[in-house]
C-alpha cells in the first residue's frame, strides 16, 4: 500500500522495491492510493485505513 501523495516514503521507493523483488523471483503487489499521504494508511479514522484493512483481510485468505 502506498499513498501517492506520501512525501515521507516517495512512490518511487515502493516501485523500486517491487522491481527488486521481482528480479529476486518474489511476487509483490503494490496498491497505490490517490490523494493519500503517509499516515492515513494507519489512522483508523481515515478512509485509507479501511482500504489497508481490507487488503490485509484478502491476503489472509
C-alpha atoms as a PDB file:
ATOM      1  CA  UNK A   1       0.000   0.000   0.000  1.00  0.00           C
ATOM      2  CA  UNK A   2       1.349   3.371  -0.981  1.00  0.00           C
ATOM      3  CA  UNK A   3      -0.196   6.793  -0.769  1.00  0.00           C
ATOM      4  CA  UNK A   4       0.529   8.651  -3.996  1.00  0.00           C
ATOM      5  CA  UNK A   5       0.906  11.892  -2.023  1.00  0.00           C
ATOM      6  CA  UNK A   6       3.317  10.353   0.509  1.00  0.00           C
ATOM      7  CA  UNK A   7       6.311  12.649   0.981  1.00  0.00           C
ATOM      8  CA  UNK A   8       7.861  10.528   3.765  1.00  0.00           C
ATOM      9  CA  UNK A   9       8.314   7.450   1.564  1.00  0.00           C
ATOM     10  CA  UNK A  10       8.019   8.513  -2.081  1.00  0.00           C
ATOM     11  CA  UNK A  11       6.194   6.258  -4.519  1.00  0.00           C
ATOM     12  CA  UNK A  12       9.467   5.621  -6.380  1.00  0.00           C
ATOM     13  CA  UNK A  13      10.833   3.805  -3.306  1.00  0.00           C
ATOM     14  CA  UNK A  14       7.926   1.367  -3.287  1.00  0.00           C
ATOM     15  CA  UNK A  15       8.157   0.860  -7.033  1.00  0.00           C
ATOM     16  CA  UNK A  16      11.890   0.139  -6.749  1.00  0.00           C
ATOM     17  CA  UNK A  17      11.163  -2.434  -4.048  1.00  0.00           C
ATOM     18  CA  UNK A  18       8.594  -4.162  -6.252  1.00  0.00           C
ATOM     19  CA  UNK A  19      11.077  -4.239  -9.144  1.00  0.00           C
ATOM     20  CA  UNK A  20      13.871  -5.630  -6.958  1.00  0.00           C
ATOM     21  CA  UNK A  21      11.577  -8.283  -5.504  1.00  0.00           C
ATOM     22  CA  UNK A  22      10.524  -9.362  -8.994  1.00  0.00           C
ATOM     23  CA  UNK A  23      14.180  -9.670 -10.034  1.00  0.00           C
ATOM     24  CA  UNK A  24      14.726 -11.866  -6.981  1.00  0.00           C
ATOM     25  CA  UNK A  25      11.843 -14.113  -8.021  1.00  0.00           C
ATOM     26  CA  UNK A  26       9.389 -12.848  -5.428  1.00  0.00           C
ATOM     27  CA  UNK A  27       5.799 -11.838  -6.063  1.00  0.00           C
ATOM     28  CA  UNK A  28       4.974  -8.447  -4.588  1.00  0.00           C
ATOM     29  CA  UNK A  29       1.892  -6.341  -5.160  1.00  0.00           C
ATOM     30  CA  UNK A  30       1.673  -2.583  -4.926  1.00  0.00           C
ATOM     31  CA  UNK A  31      -1.618  -0.810  -4.377  1.00  0.00           C
ATOM     32  CA  UNK A  32      -1.451   2.945  -4.983  1.00  0.00           C
ATOM     33  CA  UNK A  33      -3.971   5.168  -3.236  1.00  0.00           C
ATOM     34  CA  UNK A  34      -4.525   8.556  -4.849  1.00  0.00           C
ATOM     35  CA  UNK A  35      -4.815  11.597  -2.622  1.00  0.00           C
ATOM     36  CA  UNK A  36      -3.313   9.734   0.335  1.00  0.00           C
ATOM     37  CA  UNK A  37      -0.177  10.644   2.254  1.00  0.00           C
ATOM     38  CA  UNK A  38       1.949   8.573   4.610  1.00  0.00           C
ATOM     39  CA  UNK A  39      -0.016   8.499   7.862  1.00  0.00           C
ATOM     40  CA  UNK A  40      -3.650   7.966   6.746  1.00  0.00           C
ATOM     41  CA  UNK A  41      -2.748   4.359   5.990  1.00  0.00           C
ATOM     42  CA  UNK A  42      -2.549   3.690   9.749  1.00  0.00           C
ATOM     43  CA  UNK A  43      -5.105   6.230  11.008  1.00  0.00           C
ATOM     44  CA  UNK A  44      -8.276   4.329  11.963  1.00  0.00           C
ATOM     45  CA  UNK A  45     -10.354   7.450  11.267  1.00  0.00           C
ATOM     46  CA  UNK A  46      -9.084   7.729   7.668  1.00  0.00           C
ATOM     47  CA  UNK A  47     -10.748   6.059   4.695  1.00  0.00           C
ATOM     48  CA  UNK A  48      -7.349   4.814   3.529  1.00  0.00           C
ATOM     49  CA  UNK A  49      -7.001   2.726   6.683  1.00  0.00           C
ATOM     50  CA  UNK A  50     -10.155   0.798   5.765  1.00  0.00           C
ATOM     51  CA  UNK A  51      -8.589   0.015   2.389  1.00  0.00           C
ATOM     52  CA  UNK A  52      -5.483  -1.275   4.154  1.00  0.00           C
ATOM     53  CA  UNK A  53      -7.592  -3.429   6.467  1.00  0.00           C
ATOM     54  CA  UNK A  54      -9.482  -4.896   3.503  1.00  0.00           C
ATOM     55  CA  UNK A  55      -6.213  -5.673   1.710  1.00  0.00           C
ATOM     56  CA  UNK A  56      -4.887  -7.451   4.794  1.00  0.00           C
ATOM     57  CA  UNK A  57      -8.119  -9.431   5.024  1.00  0.00           C
ATOM     58  CA  UNK A  58      -7.786 -10.505   1.392  1.00  0.00           C
ATOM     59  CA  UNK A  59      -4.184 -11.586   1.925  1.00  0.00           C
ATOM     60  CA  UNK A  60      -5.223 -13.686   4.899  1.00  0.00           C
ATOM     61  CA  UNK A  61      -7.347 -15.896   2.683  1.00  0.00           C
END
